[in-house]
Amino acid sequence: MHGGSGVSDGDFRKAILSGVRKVNYYTYMVMAGGKEIASQFQMGCIPVERDGKKYKYCYSLVESDKETPIMYHEIVRWGTKAMKENCKKAMKVFFMQ
């Protein structure tokens, strides 16, 4: 089974009970990390169409009076923390808890 395919926790449990022993879960973890980073940047997207093609114009909202820079190590920490939390949740599923 491959991570990121949208398989539910219940479906994972059924697959494990049916004998599946290899699950590539990495994609779910990195998606959780990316989602957390986007939320920290207060990302938003607007649909745009140009020359018949559809795009998403994405932006980050930052208060104009705030001058505090975001440090690279903070971004890594946000993503890593979200990935760890996602993995802990998945381990409960795989251990049938």
PDB file of N, CA and C in Angstrom:
ATOM      1  N   MET A   1       0.843  -1.177   0.000  1.00  0.00           N
ATOM      2  CA  MET A   1       0.000   0.000   0.000  1.00  0.00           C
ATOM      3  C   MET A   1       0.881   1.230   0.000  1.00  0.00           C
ATOM      4  N   HIS A   2       0.403   2.280  -0.577  1.00  0.00           N
ATOM      5  CA  HIS A   2       1.213   3.491  -0.699  1.00  0.00           C
ATOM      6  C   HIS A   2       0.569   4.639   0.055  1.00  0.00           C
ATOM      7  N   GLY A   3       1.363   5.365   0.813  1.00  0.00           N
ATOM      8  CA  GLY A   3       0.890   6.531   1.552  1.00  0.00           C
ATOM      9  C   GLY A   3       0.444   7.637   0.613  1.00  0.00           C
ATOM     10  N   GLY A   4      -0.448   8.462   1.092  1.00  0.00           N
ATOM     11  CA  GLY A   4      -0.932   9.583   0.301  1.00  0.00           C
ATOM     12  C   GLY A   4      -2.082   9.233  -0.614  1.00  0.00           C
ATOM     13  N   SER A   5      -2.546   7.987  -0.562  1.00  0.00           N
ATOM     14  CA  SER A   5      -3.600   7.547  -1.476  1.00  0.00           C
ATOM     15  C   SER A   5      -4.998   7.811  -0.938  1.00  0.00           C
ATOM     16  N   GLY A   6      -5.091   8.335   0.289  1.00  0.00           N
ATOM     17  CA  GLY A   6      -6.401   8.634   0.855  1.00  0.00           C
ATOM     18  C   GLY A   6      -7.047   7.461   1.553  1.00  0.00           C
ATOM     19  N   VAL A   7      -6.289   6.429   1.857  1.00  0.00           N
ATOM     20  CA  VAL A   7      -6.819   5.255   2.544  1.00  0.00           C
ATOM     21  C   VAL A   7      -7.151   5.647   3.990  1.00  0.00           C
ATOM     22  N   SER A   8      -8.345   5.260   4.458  1.00  0.00           N
ATOM     23  CA  SER A   8      -8.770   5.615   5.811  1.00  0.00           C
ATOM     24  C   SER A   8      -8.105   4.718   6.850  1.00  0.00           C
ATOM     25  N   ASP A   9      -8.163   5.143   8.113  1.00  0.00           N
ATOM     26  CA  ASP A   9      -7.626   4.318   9.198  1.00  0.00           C
ATOM     27  C   ASP A   9      -8.298   2.950   9.221  1.00  0.00           C
ATOM     28  N   GLY A  10      -9.616   2.936   9.034  1.00  0.00           N
ATOM     29  CA  GLY A  10     -10.352   1.674   9.017  1.00  0.00           C
ATOM     30  C   GLY A  10      -9.896   0.761   7.888  1.00  0.00           C
ATOM     31  N   ASP A  11      -9.636   1.341   6.712  1.00  0.00           N
ATOM     32  CA  ASP A  11      -9.151   0.551   5.579  1.00  0.00           C
ATOM     33  C   ASP A  11      -7.756  -0.005   5.852  1.00  0.00           C
ATOM     34  N   PHE A  12      -6.902   0.808   6.507  1.00  0.00           N
ATOM     35  CA  PHE A  12      -5.578   0.304   6.882  1.00  0.00           C
ATOM     36  C   PHE A  12      -5.718  -0.897   7.812  1.00  0.00           C
ATOM     37  N   ARG A  13      -6.611  -0.792   8.801  1.00  0.00           N
ATOM     38  CA  ARG A  13      -6.808  -1.902   9.750  1.00  0.00           C
ATOM     39  C   ARG A  13      -7.274  -3.161   9.023  1.00  0.00           C
ATOM     40  N   LYS A  14      -8.230  -3.002   8.106  1.00  0.00           N
ATOM     41  CA  LYS A  14      -8.723  -4.154   7.339  1.00  0.00           C
ATOM     42  C   LYS A  14      -7.595  -4.791   6.529  1.00  0.00           C
ATOM     43  N   ALA A  15      -6.773  -3.955   5.893  1.00  0.00           N
ATOM     44  CA  ALA A  15      -5.672  -4.473   5.078  1.00  0.00           C
ATOM     45  C   ALA A  15      -4.666  -5.232   5.937  1.00  0.00           C
ATOM     46  N   ILE A  16      -4.346  -4.686   7.112  1.00  0.00           N
ATOM     47  CA  ILE A  16      -3.391  -5.348   8.007  1.00  0.00           C
ATOM     48  C   ILE A  16      -3.957  -6.677   8.483  1.00  0.00           C
ATOM     49  N   LEU A  17      -5.234  -6.693   8.862  1.00  0.00           N
ATOM     50  CA  LEU A  17      -5.867  -7.937   9.300  1.00  0.00           C
ATOM     51  C   LEU A  17      -5.934  -8.961   8.174  1.00  0.00           C
ATOM     52  N   SER A  18      -5.951  -8.466   6.937  1.00  0.00           N
ATOM     53  CA  SER A  18      -6.002  -9.369   5.776  1.00  0.00           C
ATOM     54  C   SER A  18      -4.627  -9.840   5.317  1.00  0.00           C
ATOM     55  N   GLY A  19      -3.575  -9.353   5.967  1.00  0.00           N
ATOM     56  CA  GLY A  19      -2.246  -9.854   5.655  1.00  0.00           C
ATOM     57  C   GLY A  19      -1.272  -8.881   5.026  1.00  0.00           C
ATOM     58  N   VAL A  20      -1.694  -7.659   4.717  1.00  0.00           N
ATOM     59  CA  VAL A  20      -0.760  -6.680   4.156  1.00  0.00           C
ATOM     60  C   VAL A  20       0.304  -6.376   5.206  1.00  0.00           C
ATOM     61  N   ARG A  21       1.562  -6.458   4.825  1.00  0.00           N
ATOM     62  CA  ARG A  21       2.651  -6.261   5.774  1.00  0.00           C
ATOM     63  C   ARG A  21       3.569  -5.103   5.415  1.00  0.00           C
ATOM     64  N   LYS A  22       3.360  -4.500   4.264  1.00  0.00           N
ATOM     65  CA  LYS A  22       4.208  -3.368   3.886  1.00  0.00           C
ATOM     66  C   LYS A  22       3.320  -2.192   3.511  1.00  0.00           C
ATOM     67  N   VAL A  23       3.513  -1.103   4.224  1.00  0.00           N
ATOM     68  CA  VAL A  23       2.773   0.121   3.940  1.00  0.00           C
ATOM     69  C   VAL A  23       3.790   1.252   3.844  1.00  0.00           C
ATOM     70  N   ASN A  24       3.802   1.954   2.724  1.00  0.00           N
ATOM     71  CA  ASN A  24       4.672   3.109   2.547  1.00  0.00           C
ATOM     72  C   ASN A  24       3.919   4.312   3.106  1.00  0.00           C
ATOM     73  N   TYR A  25       4.285   4.717   4.304  1.00  0.00           N
ATOM     74  CA  TYR A  25       3.540   5.766   4.985  1.00  0.00           C
ATOM     75  C   TYR A  25       4.189   7.143   4.855  1.00  0.00           C
ATOM     76  N   TYR A  26       5.370   7.223   4.329  1.00  0.00           N
ATOM     77  CA  TYR A  26       6.142   8.464   4.296  1.00  0.00           C
ATOM     78  C   TYR A  26       5.364   9.632   3.686  1.00  0.00           C
ATOM     79  N   THR A  27       4.634   9.387   2.623  1.00  0.00           N
ATOM     80  CA  THR A  27       3.921  10.464   1.940  1.00  0.00           C
ATOM     81  C   THR A  27       2.931  11.155   2.875  1.00  0.00           C
ATOM     82  N   TYR A  28       2.237  10.361   3.714  1.00  0.00           N
ATOM     83  CA  TYR A  28       1.306  10.968   4.671  1.00  0.00           C
ATOM     84  C   TYR A  28       2.045  11.887   5.640  1.00  0.00           C
ATOM     85  N   MET A  29       3.210  11.461   6.095  1.00  0.00           N
ATOM     86  CA  MET A  29       3.970  12.270   7.049  1.00  0.00           C
ATOM     87  C   MET A  29       4.409  13.589   6.425  1.00  0.00           C
ATOM     88  N   VAL A  30       4.956  13.555   5.215  1.00  0.00           N
ATOM     89  CA  VAL A  30       5.434  14.802   4.606  1.00  0.00           C
ATOM     90  C   VAL A  30       4.282  15.725   4.220  1.00  0.00           C
ATOM     91  N   MET A  31       3.120  15.148   3.905  1.00  0.00           N
ATOM     92  CA  MET A  31       1.948  15.972   3.639  1.00  0.00           C
ATOM     93  C   MET A  31       1.516  16.698   4.914  1.00  0.00           C
ATOM     94  N   ALA A  32       1.576  16.013   6.054  1.00  0.00           N
ATOM     95  CA  ALA A  32       1.238  16.643   7.338  1.00  0.00           C
ATOM     96  C   ALA A  32       2.224  17.763   7.651  1.00  0.00           C
ATOM     97  N   GLY A  33       3.508  17.538   7.396  1.00  0.00           N
ATOM     98  CA  GLY A  33       4.517  18.574   7.615  1.00  0.00           C
ATOM     99  C   GLY A  33       4.278  19.783   6.730  1.00  0.00           C
ATOM    100  N   GLY A  34       3.995  19.554   5.470  1.00  0.00           N
ATOM    101  CA  GLY A  34       3.731  20.653   4.537  1.00  0.00           C
ATOM    102  C   GLY A  34       2.490  21.437   4.901  1.00  0.00           C
ATOM    103  N   LYS A  35       1.452  20.730   5.345  1.00  0.00           N
ATOM    104  CA  LYS A  35       0.212  21.399   5.747  1.00  0.00           C
ATOM    105  C   LYS A  35       0.461  22.304   6.954  1.00  0.00           C
ATOM    106  N   GLU A  36       1.252  21.834   7.916  1.00  0.00           N
ATOM    107  CA  GLU A  36       1.562  22.651   9.096  1.00  0.00           C
ATOM    108  C   GLU A  36       2.368  23.890   8.716  1.00  0.00           C
ATOM    109  N   ILE A  37       3.349  23.730   7.852  1.00  0.00           N
ATOM    110  CA  ILE A  37       4.159  24.876   7.426  1.00  0.00           C
ATOM    111  C   ILE A  37       3.276  25.907   6.712  1.00  0.00           C
ATOM    112  N   ALA A  38       2.408  25.439   5.835  1.00  0.00           N
ATOM    113  CA  ALA A  38       1.505  26.354   5.136  1.00  0.00           C
ATOM    114  C   ALA A  38       0.609  27.099   6.130  1.00  0.00           C
ATOM    115  N   SER A  39       0.157  26.403   7.182  1.00  0.00           N
ATOM    116  CA  SER A  39      -0.706  27.071   8.159  1.00  0.00           C
ATOM    117  C   SER A  39       0.071  28.119   8.953  1.00  0.00           C
ATOM    118  N   GLN A  40       1.352  27.858   9.232  1.00  0.00           N
ATOM    119  CA  GLN A  40       2.171  28.827   9.953  1.00  0.00           C
ATOM    120  C   GLN A  40       2.385  30.099   9.129  1.00  0.00           C
ATOM    121  N   PHE A  41       2.433  29.954   7.813  1.00  0.00           N
ATOM    122  CA  PHE A  41       2.599  31.099   6.922  1.00  0.00           C
ATOM    123  C   PHE A  41       1.264  31.740   6.559  1.00  0.00           C
ATOM    124  N   GLN A  42       0.172  31.201   7.102  1.00  0.00           N
ATOM    125  CA  GLN A  42      -1.168  31.674   6.788  1.00  0.00           C
ATOM    126  C   GLN A  42      -1.365  31.748   5.271  1.00  0.00           C
ATOM    127  N   MET A  43      -1.075  30.623   4.624  1.00  0.00           N
ATOM    128  CA  MET A  43      -1.170  30.554   3.173  1.00  0.00           C
ATOM    129  C   MET A  43      -2.623  30.595   2.713  1.00  0.00           C
ATOM    130  N   GLY A  44      -2.838  31.244   1.621  1.00  0.00           N
ATOM    131  CA  GLY A  44      -4.125  31.273   0.967  1.00  0.00           C
ATOM    132  C   GLY A  44      -3.917  31.153  -0.529  1.00  0.00           C
ATOM    133  N   CYS A  45      -4.914  30.661  -1.220  1.00  0.00           N
ATOM    134  CA  CYS A  45      -4.801  30.518  -2.678  1.00  0.00           C
ATOM    135  C   CYS A  45      -6.075  31.015  -3.346  1.00  0.00           C
ATOM    136  N   ILE A  46      -5.911  31.583  -4.511  1.00  0.00           N
ATOM    137  CA  ILE A  46      -7.015  32.086  -5.314  1.00  0.00           C
ATOM    138  C   ILE A  46      -6.945  31.387  -6.670  1.00  0.00           C
ATOM    139  N   PRO A  47      -8.087  30.857  -7.162  1.00  0.00           N
ATOM    140  CA  PRO A  47      -8.058  30.248  -8.496  1.00  0.00           C
ATOM    141  C   PRO A  47      -7.872  31.312  -9.580  1.00  0.00           C
ATOM    142  N   VAL A  48      -7.013  31.009 -10.535  1.00  0.00           N
ATOM    143  CA  VAL A  48      -6.717  31.926 -11.635  1.00  0.00           C
ATOM    144  C   VAL A  48      -6.742  31.126 -12.932  1.00  0.00           C
ATOM    145  N   GLU A  49      -7.282  31.718 -13.973  1.00  0.00           N
ATOM    146  CA  GLU A  49      -7.266  31.069 -15.282  1.00  0.00           C
ATOM    147  C   GLU A  49      -6.543  31.994 -16.253  1.00  0.00           C
ATOM    148  N   ARG A  50      -5.599  31.403 -17.002  1.00  0.00           N
ATOM    149  CA  ARG A  50      -4.840  32.188 -17.970  1.00  0.00           C
ATOM    150  C   ARG A  50      -4.569  31.323 -19.190  1.00  0.00           C
ATOM    151  N   ASP A  51      -4.851  31.861 -20.341  1.00  0.00           N
ATOM    152  CA  ASP A  51      -4.648  31.154 -21.617  1.00  0.00           C
ATOM    153  C   ASP A  51      -5.301  29.770 -21.598  1.00  0.00           C
ATOM    154  N   GLY A  52      -6.475  29.680 -20.973  1.00  0.00           N
ATOM    155  CA  GLY A  52      -7.216  28.426 -20.949  1.00  0.00           C
ATOM    156  C   GLY A  52      -6.717  27.410 -19.929  1.00  0.00           C
ATOM    157  N   LYS A  53      -5.685  27.742 -19.164  1.00  0.00           N
ATOM    158  CA  LYS A  53      -5.169  26.835 -18.143  1.00  0.00           C
ATOM    159  C   LYS A  53      -5.573  27.339 -16.772  1.00  0.00           C
ATOM    160  N   LYS A  54      -5.838  26.404 -15.848  1.00  0.00           N
ATOM    161  CA  LYS A  54      -6.231  26.760 -14.492  1.00  0.00           C
ATOM    162  C   LYS A  54      -5.021  26.674 -13.561  1.00  0.00           C
ATOM    163  N   TYR A  55      -4.887  27.700 -12.724  1.00  0.00           N
ATOM    164  CA  TYR A  55      -3.779  27.788 -11.771  1.00  0.00           C
ATOM    165  C   TYR A  55      -4.322  28.151 -10.395  1.00  0.00           C
ATOM    166  N   LYS A  56      -3.456  28.052  -9.393  1.00  0.00           N
ATOM    167  CA  LYS A  56      -3.740  28.586  -8.069  1.00  0.00           C
ATOM    168  C   LYS A  56      -2.680  29.638  -7.781  1.00  0.00           C
ATOM    169  N   TYR A  57      -3.111  30.852  -7.489  1.00  0.00           N
ATOM    170  CA  TYR A  57      -2.206  31.922  -7.083  1.00  0.00           C
ATOM    171  C   TYR A  57      -2.169  31.883  -5.560  1.00  0.00           C
ATOM    172  N   CYS A  58      -1.027  31.514  -4.974  1.00  0.00           N
ATOM    173  CA  CYS A  58      -0.916  31.349  -3.533  1.00  0.00           C
ATOM    174  C   CYS A  58      -0.116  32.496  -2.927  1.00  0.00           C
ATOM    175  N   TYR A  59      -0.492  32.859  -1.724  1.00  0.00           N
ATOM    176  CA  TYR A  59       0.121  33.997  -1.056  1.00  0.00           C
ATOM    177  C   TYR A  59       0.190  33.722   0.445  1.00  0.00           C
ATOM    178  N   SER A  60       0.941  34.537   1.143  1.00  0.00           N
ATOM    179  CA  SER A  60       1.061  34.450   2.595  1.00  0.00           C
ATOM    180  C   SER A  60       0.656  35.788   3.203  1.00  0.00           C
ATOM    181  N   LEU A  61      -0.192  35.720   4.227  1.00  0.00           N
ATOM    182  CA  LEU A  61      -0.624  36.940   4.907  1.00  0.00           C
ATOM    183  C   LEU A  61       0.291  37.226   6.090  1.00  0.00           C
ATOM    184  N   VAL A  62       0.862  38.428   6.110  1.00  0.00           N
ATOM    185  CA  VAL A  62       1.724  38.863   7.202  1.00  0.00           C
ATOM    186  C   VAL A  62       1.287  40.277   7.578  1.00  0.00           C
ATOM    187  N   GLU A  63       1.084  40.506   8.866  1.00  0.00           N
ATOM    188  CA  GLU A  63       0.682  41.839   9.301  1.00  0.00           C
ATOM    189  C   GLU A  63       1.770  42.837   8.931  1.00  0.00           C
ATOM    190  N   SER A  64       1.382  43.970   8.385  1.00  0.00           N
ATOM    191  CA  SER A  64       2.358  44.927   7.878  1.00  0.00           C
ATOM    192  C   SER A  64       3.210  45.562   8.966  1.00  0.00           C
ATOM    193  N   ASP A  65       2.705  45.601  10.204  1.00  0.00           N
ATOM    194  CA  ASP A  65       3.505  46.215  11.257  1.00  0.00           C
ATOM    195  C   ASP A  65       4.422  45.231  11.978  1.00  0.00           C
ATOM    196  N   LYS A  66       4.419  43.980  11.553  1.00  0.00           N
ATOM    197  CA  LYS A  66       5.288  42.979  12.182  1.00  0.00           C
ATOM    198  C   LYS A  66       6.539  42.785  11.338  1.00  0.00           C
ATOM    199  N   GLU A  67       7.668  42.979  11.938  1.00  0.00           N
ATOM    200  CA  GLU A  67       8.941  42.872  11.221  1.00  0.00           C
ATOM    201  C   GLU A  67       9.768  41.669  11.689  1.00  0.00           C
ATOM    202  N   THR A  68       9.176  40.752  12.474  1.00  0.00           N
ATOM    203  CA  THR A  68       9.912  39.602  12.980  1.00  0.00           C
ATOM    204  C   THR A  68      10.159  38.620  11.841  1.00  0.00           C
ATOM    205  N   PRO A  69      11.406  38.346  11.531  1.00  0.00           N
ATOM    206  CA  PRO A  69      11.685  37.403  10.439  1.00  0.00           C
ATOM    207  C   PRO A  69      11.418  35.962  10.863  1.00  0.00           C
ATOM    208  N   ILE A  70      11.073  35.140   9.901  1.00  0.00           N
ATOM    209  CA  ILE A  70      10.919  33.709  10.143  1.00  0.00           C
ATOM    210  C   ILE A  70      12.264  33.060   9.847  1.00  0.00           C
ATOM    211  N   MET A  71      12.765  32.314  10.803  1.00  0.00           N
ATOM    212  CA  MET A  71      14.056  31.642  10.653  1.00  0.00           C
ATOM    213  C   MET A  71      13.866  30.262  10.023  1.00  0.00           C
ATOM    214  N   TYR A  72      14.808  29.864   9.192  1.00  0.00           N
ATOM    215  CA  TYR A  72      14.726  28.577   8.505  1.00  0.00           C
ATOM    216  C   TYR A  72      14.540  27.429   9.480  1.00  0.00           C
ATOM    217  N   HIS A  73      15.261  27.440  10.594  1.00  0.00           N
ATOM    218  CA  HIS A  73      15.170  26.332  11.541  1.00  0.00           C
ATOM    219  C   HIS A  73      13.766  26.216  12.142  1.00  0.00           C
ATOM    220  N   GLU A  74      13.028  27.327  12.208  1.00  0.00           N
ATOM    221  CA  GLU A  74      11.651  27.262  12.679  1.00  0.00           C
ATOM    222  C   GLU A  74      10.776  26.492  11.696  1.00  0.00           C
ATOM    223  N   ILE A  75      11.003  26.715  10.425  1.00  0.00           N
ATOM    224  CA  ILE A  75      10.221  26.026   9.395  1.00  0.00           C
ATOM    225  C   ILE A  75      10.462  24.512   9.487  1.00  0.00           C
ATOM    226  N   VAL A  76      11.715  24.135   9.628  1.00  0.00           N
ATOM    227  CA  VAL A  76      12.054  22.715   9.751  1.00  0.00           C
ATOM    228  C   VAL A  76      11.411  22.132  11.009  1.00  0.00           C
ATOM    229  N   ARG A  77      11.463  22.886  12.111  1.00  0.00           N
ATOM    230  CA  ARG A  77      10.879  22.418  13.368  1.00  0.00           C
ATOM    231  C   ARG A  77       9.367  22.223  13.235  1.00  0.00           C
ATOM    232  N   TRP A  78       8.668  23.156  12.583  1.00  0.00           N
ATOM    233  CA  TRP A  78       7.223  23.022  12.396  1.00  0.00           C
ATOM    234  C   TRP A  78       6.892  21.740  11.623  1.00  0.00           C
ATOM    235  N   GLY A  79       7.612  21.536  10.528  1.00  0.00           N
ATOM    236  CA  GLY A  79       7.352  20.357   9.706  1.00  0.00           C
ATOM    237  C   GLY A  79       7.680  19.061  10.425  1.00  0.00           C
ATOM    238  N   THR A  80       8.803  19.036  11.113  1.00  0.00           N
ATOM    239  CA  THR A  80       9.224  17.830  11.828  1.00  0.00           C
ATOM    240  C   THR A  80       8.242  17.476  12.931  1.00  0.00           C
ATOM    241  N   LYS A  81       7.799  18.478  13.677  1.00  0.00           N
ATOM    242  CA  LYS A  81       6.844  18.232  14.768  1.00  0.00           C
ATOM    243  C   LYS A  81       5.538  17.650  14.221  1.00  0.00           C
ATOM    244  N   ALA A  82       5.034  18.218  13.138  1.00  0.00           N
ATOM    245  CA  ALA A  82       3.792  17.725  12.535  1.00  0.00           C
ATOM    246  C   ALA A  82       3.967  16.305  12.009  1.00  0.00           C
ATOM    247  N   MET A  83       5.124  16.015  11.421  1.00  0.00           N
ATOM    248  CA  MET A  83       5.382  14.662  10.923  1.00  0.00           C
ATOM    249  C   MET A  83       5.417  13.655  12.075  1.00  0.00           C
ATOM    250  N   LYS A  84       6.050  14.028  13.191  1.00  0.00           N
ATOM    251  CA  LYS A  84       6.114  13.131  14.349  1.00  0.00           C
ATOM    252  C   LYS A  84       4.720  12.853  14.896  1.00  0.00           C
ATOM    253  N   GLU A  85       3.905  13.894  15.013  1.00  0.00           N
ATOM    254  CA  GLU A  85       2.541  13.713  15.521  1.00  0.00           C
ATOM    255  C   GLU A  85       1.729  12.816  14.589  1.00  0.00           C
ATOM    256  N   ASN A  86       1.886  13.014  13.294  1.00  0.00           N
ATOM    257  CA  ASN A  86       1.193  12.188  12.314  1.00  0.00           C
ATOM    258  C   ASN A  86       1.635  10.730  12.422  1.00  0.00           C
ATOM    259  N   CYS A  87       2.919  10.525  12.627  1.00  0.00           N
ATOM    260  CA  CYS A  87       3.457   9.168  12.747  1.00  0.00           C
ATOM    261  C   CYS A  87       2.939   8.488  14.016  1.00  0.00           C
ATOM    262  N   LYS A  88       2.850   9.227  15.119  1.00  0.00           N
ATOM    263  CA  LYS A  88       2.316   8.661  16.361  1.00  0.00           C
ATOM    264  C   LYS A  88       0.879   8.177  16.158  1.00  0.00           C
ATOM    265  N   LYS A  89       0.094   8.979  15.442  1.00  0.00           N
ATOM    266  CA  LYS A  89      -1.295   8.595  15.152  1.00  0.00           C
ATOM    267  C   LYS A  89      -1.333   7.331  14.297  1.00  0.00           C
ATOM    268  N   ALA A  90      -0.467   7.271  13.304  1.00  0.00           N
ATOM    269  CA  ALA A  90      -0.431   6.107  12.416  1.00  0.00           C
ATOM    270  C   ALA A  90       0.002   4.856  13.169  1.00  0.00           C
ATOM    271  N   MET A  91       0.934   4.990  14.090  1.00  0.00           N
ATOM    272  CA  MET A  91       1.400   3.829  14.835  1.00  0.00           C
ATOM    273  C   MET A  91       0.273   3.211  15.650  1.00  0.00           C
ATOM    274  N   LYS A  92      -0.645   4.043  16.157  1.00  0.00           N
ATOM    275  CA  LYS A  92      -1.809   3.504  16.878  1.00  0.00           C
ATOM    276  C   LYS A  92      -2.661   2.655  15.951  1.00  0.00           C
ATOM    277  N   VAL A  93      -2.809   3.108  14.714  1.00  0.00           N
ATOM    278  CA  VAL A  93      -3.590   2.337  13.733  1.00  0.00           C
ATOM    279  C   VAL A  93      -2.898   1.022  13.432  1.00  0.00           C
ATOM    280  N   PHE A  94      -1.586   1.076  13.172  1.00  0.00           N
ATOM    281  CA  PHE A  94      -0.856  -0.126  12.795  1.00  0.00           C
ATOM    282  C   PHE A  94      -0.708  -1.119  13.946  1.00  0.00           C
ATOM    283  N   PHE A  95      -0.764  -0.622  15.191  1.00  0.00           N
ATOM    284  CA  PHE A  95      -0.735  -1.506  16.342  1.00  0.00           C
ATOM    285  C   PHE A  95      -2.135  -1.890  16.789  1.00  0.00           C
ATOM    286  N   MET A  96      -3.133  -1.511  15.964  1.00  0.00           N
ATOM    287  CA  MET A  96      -4.536  -1.856  16.169  1.00  0.00           C
ATOM    288  C   MET A  96      -5.093  -1.312  17.491  1.00  0.00           C
ATOM    289  N   GLN A  97      -4.670  -0.127  17.864  1.00  0.00           N
ATOM    290  CA  GLN A  97      -5.179   0.507  19.100  1.00  0.00           C
ATOM    291  C   GLN A  97      -6.276   1.488  18.762  1.00  0.00           C
TER     292      GLN A  97
END
